[in-house]
C-alpha atoms as a PDB file:
ATOM      1  CA  MET A   1       0.000   0.000   0.000  1.00  0.00           C
ATOM      2  CA  SER A   2       1.528   3.302  -1.070  1.00  0.00           C
ATOM      3  CA  LYS A   3       1.489   6.235   1.315  1.00  0.00           C
ATOM      4  CA  LEU A   4       0.564   9.768   0.327  1.00  0.00           C
ATOM      5  CA  ALA A   5       3.145  12.510   0.788  1.00  0.00           C
ATOM      6  CA  GLN A   6       0.748  14.320   3.138  1.00  0.00           C
ATOM      7  CA  ASP A   7       0.578  11.219   5.353  1.00  0.00           C
ATOM      8  CA  ILE A   8       4.391  11.031   5.630  1.00  0.00           C
ATOM      9  CA  ILE A   9       5.239  14.711   6.274  1.00  0.00           C
ATOM     10  CA  LEU A  10       3.087  15.672   9.271  1.00  0.00           C
ATOM     11  CA  ARG A  11       4.278  19.202  10.115  1.00  0.00           C
ATOM     12  CA  PRO A  12       7.339  21.468   9.969  1.00  0.00           C
ATOM     13  CA  ILE A  13       9.343  22.043  13.144  1.00  0.00           C
ATOM     14  CA  ILE A  14       9.886  25.750  13.811  1.00  0.00           C
ATOM     15  CA  THR A  15      12.521  26.276  16.500  1.00  0.00           C
ATOM     16  CA  GLU A  16      15.578  28.506  16.793  1.00  0.00           C
ATOM     17  CA  GLU A  17      17.937  25.618  16.082  1.00  0.00           C
ATOM     18  CA  SER A  18      15.977  24.355  13.072  1.00  0.00           C
ATOM     19  CA  MET A  19      15.773  27.890  11.616  1.00  0.00           C
ATOM     20  CA  LEU A  20      19.570  28.206  11.760  1.00  0.00           C
ATOM     21  CA  GLY A  21      19.799  25.172   9.475  1.00  0.00           C
ATOM     22  CA  THR A  22      17.764  26.842   6.719  1.00  0.00           C
ATOM     23  CA  ALA A  23      20.838  28.874   5.717  1.00  0.00           C
ATOM     24  CA  GLU A  24      22.517  25.555   4.793  1.00  0.00           C
ATOM     25  CA  LYS A  25      19.318  24.229   3.119  1.00  0.00           C
ATOM     26  CA  LYS A  26      18.517  21.910   6.044  1.00  0.00           C
ATOM     27  CA  TYR A  27      14.834  21.679   6.934  1.00  0.00           C
ATOM     28  CA  THR A  28      13.254  19.855   9.877  1.00  0.00           C
ATOM     29  CA  PHE A  29       9.907  18.021   9.798  1.00  0.00           C
ATOM     30  CA  SER A  30       7.841  15.805  12.060  1.00  0.00           C
ATOM     31  CA  VAL A  31       7.168  12.639  10.049  1.00  0.00           C
ATOM     32  CA  ALA A  32       5.208   9.407  10.352  1.00  0.00           C
ATOM     33  CA  LYS A  33       6.874   6.895  12.667  1.00  0.00           C
ATOM     34  CA  THR A  34       6.698   4.142  10.032  1.00  0.00           C
ATOM     35  CA  ALA A  35       8.263   6.213   7.223  1.00  0.00           C
ATOM     36  CA  ASN A  36      11.802   5.415   6.066  1.00  0.00           C
ATOM     37  CA  LYS A  37      14.399   7.805   4.616  1.00  0.00           C
ATOM     38  CA  ILE A  38      13.551   7.017   0.980  1.00  0.00           C
ATOM     39  CA  GLU A  39       9.831   7.659   1.510  1.00  0.00           C
ATOM     40  CA  ILE A  40      10.575  10.915   3.347  1.00  0.00           C
ATOM     41  CA  ALA A  41      12.841  12.146   0.531  1.00  0.00           C
ATOM     42  CA  LYS A  42      10.241  11.350  -2.141  1.00  0.00           C
ATOM     43  CA  ALA A  43       7.481  13.044  -0.118  1.00  0.00           C
ATOM     44  CA  VAL A  44       9.501  16.274   0.330  1.00  0.00           C
ATOM     45  CA  GLU A  45      10.389  16.326  -3.368  1.00  0.00           C
ATOM     46  CA  GLU A  46       6.732  15.838  -4.308  1.00  0.00           C
ATOM     47  CA  LEU A  47       5.280  18.405  -1.885  1.00  0.00           C
ATOM     48  CA  PHE A  48       7.812  21.232  -2.319  1.00  0.00           C
ATOM     49  CA  ASN A  49       9.269  20.571  -5.845  1.00  0.00           C
ATOM     50  CA  VAL A  50      12.892  20.464  -4.605  1.00  0.00           C
ATOM     51  CA  LYS A  51      15.799  18.000  -4.884  1.00  0.00           C
ATOM     52  CA  VAL A  52      16.820  16.156  -1.704  1.00  0.00           C
ATOM     53  CA  ALA A  53      20.487  15.308  -1.095  1.00  0.00           C
ATOM     54  CA  LYS A  54      20.110  13.348   2.161  1.00  0.00           C
ATOM     55  CA  VAL A  55      17.765  12.648   5.061  1.00  0.00           C
ATOM     56  CA  ASN A  56      18.656  12.131   8.736  1.00  0.00           C
ATOM     57  CA  THR A  57      16.002  10.695  11.058  1.00  0.00           C
ATOM     58  CA  ILE A  58      15.680  10.706  14.838  1.00  0.00           C
ATOM     59  CA  ASN A  59      13.203   8.756  16.973  1.00  0.00           C
ATOM     60  CA  CYS A  60      12.132  11.055  19.825  1.00  0.00           C
ATOM     61  CA  LEU A  61      10.819   9.181  22.839  1.00  0.00           C
ATOM     62  CA  GLY A  62       7.908  10.526  24.874  1.00  0.00           C
ATOM     63  CA  LYS A  63       8.679  12.327  28.138  1.00  0.00           C
ATOM     64  CA  LEU A  64       7.303  11.481  31.565  1.00  0.00           C
ATOM     65  CA  ARG A  65       4.682  14.014  32.674  1.00  0.00           C
ATOM     66  CA  ARG A  66       2.867  14.272  36.012  1.00  0.00           C
ATOM     67  CA  GLN A  67      -0.450  15.856  36.950  1.00  0.00           C
ATOM     68  CA  GLY A  68      -0.853  15.524  40.694  1.00  0.00           C
ATOM     69  CA  MET A  69      -0.655  11.821  41.590  1.00  0.00           C
ATOM     70  CA  SER A  70      -1.238  10.692  38.005  1.00  0.00           C
ATOM     71  CA  GLN A  71       1.629  10.247  35.608  1.00  0.00           C
ATOM     72  CA  GLY A  72       2.092   9.155  32.025  1.00  0.00           C
ATOM     73  CA  PHE A  73       4.191   9.639  28.929  1.00  0.00           C
ATOM     74  CA  THR A  74       3.722  12.073  26.045  1.00  0.00           C
ATOM     75  CA  ALA A  75       3.537  10.537  22.588  1.00  0.00           C
ATOM     76  CA  SER A  76       6.718   9.347  20.860  1.00  0.00           C
ATOM     77  CA  TRP A  77       7.414  10.811  17.421  1.00  0.00           C
ATOM     78  CA  LYS A  78       9.922  10.838  14.577  1.00  0.00           C
ATOM     79  CA  LYS A  79      11.914  13.840  13.353  1.00  0.00           C
ATOM     80  CA  ALA A  80      13.549  14.151   9.926  1.00  0.00           C
ATOM     81  CA  ILE A  81      16.251  16.650   8.949  1.00  0.00           C
ATOM     82  CA  VAL A  82      16.189  16.999   5.157  1.00  0.00           C
ATOM     83  CA  THR A  83      19.212  18.454   3.336  1.00  0.00           C
ATOM     84  CA  LEU A  84      18.620  19.826  -0.172  1.00  0.00           C
ATOM     85  CA  THR A  85      21.105  19.796  -3.051  1.00  0.00           C
ATOM     86  CA  GLU A  86      23.168  22.917  -3.808  1.00  0.00           C
ATOM     87  CA  ASP A  87      21.343  23.637  -7.086  1.00  0.00           C
ATOM     88  CA  SER A  88      17.880  23.118  -5.574  1.00  0.00           C
ATOM     89  CA  LYS A  89      15.614  26.046  -4.752  1.00  0.00           C
ATOM     90  CA  THR A  90      14.644  26.769  -1.138  1.00  0.00           C
ATOM     91  CA  ILE A  91      11.319  25.861   0.473  1.00  0.00           C
ATOM     92  CA  GLU A  92       9.208  29.045   0.398  1.00  0.00           C
ATOM     93  CA  PHE A  93       7.332  28.193   3.606  1.00  0.00           C
ATOM     94  CA  PHE A  94      10.491  28.576   5.697  1.00  0.00           C
ATOM     95  CA  ASP A  95      11.667  31.777   3.934  1.00  0.00           C
ATOM     96  CA  GLY A  96       9.119  33.964   5.732  1.00  0.00           C
ATOM     97  CA  MET A  97      10.110  32.651   9.176  1.00  0.00           C
ATOM     98  CA  MET A  98      13.535  34.305   9.464  1.00  0.00           C
END
């Protein structure tokens, strides 16, 4: 079963550290936990019409949170740092953030 690009790329991650990477054409996204690097690269190329050089992924575990006597974990998620090729154009969505 093929996945849609919108199902793989869930949302962009907008933090100070991730915005510093945009100068080097590195963009950070929250992605589906089951997606692999090849699927992530194809989804970014399809959604933003850019060329992907490489993809780094990180599994982020949920953190322990307490509310009074109750405690539980936040949801685990997967982060992808996508590096574009030198001749590729930038992603316009991130251009307005800086």
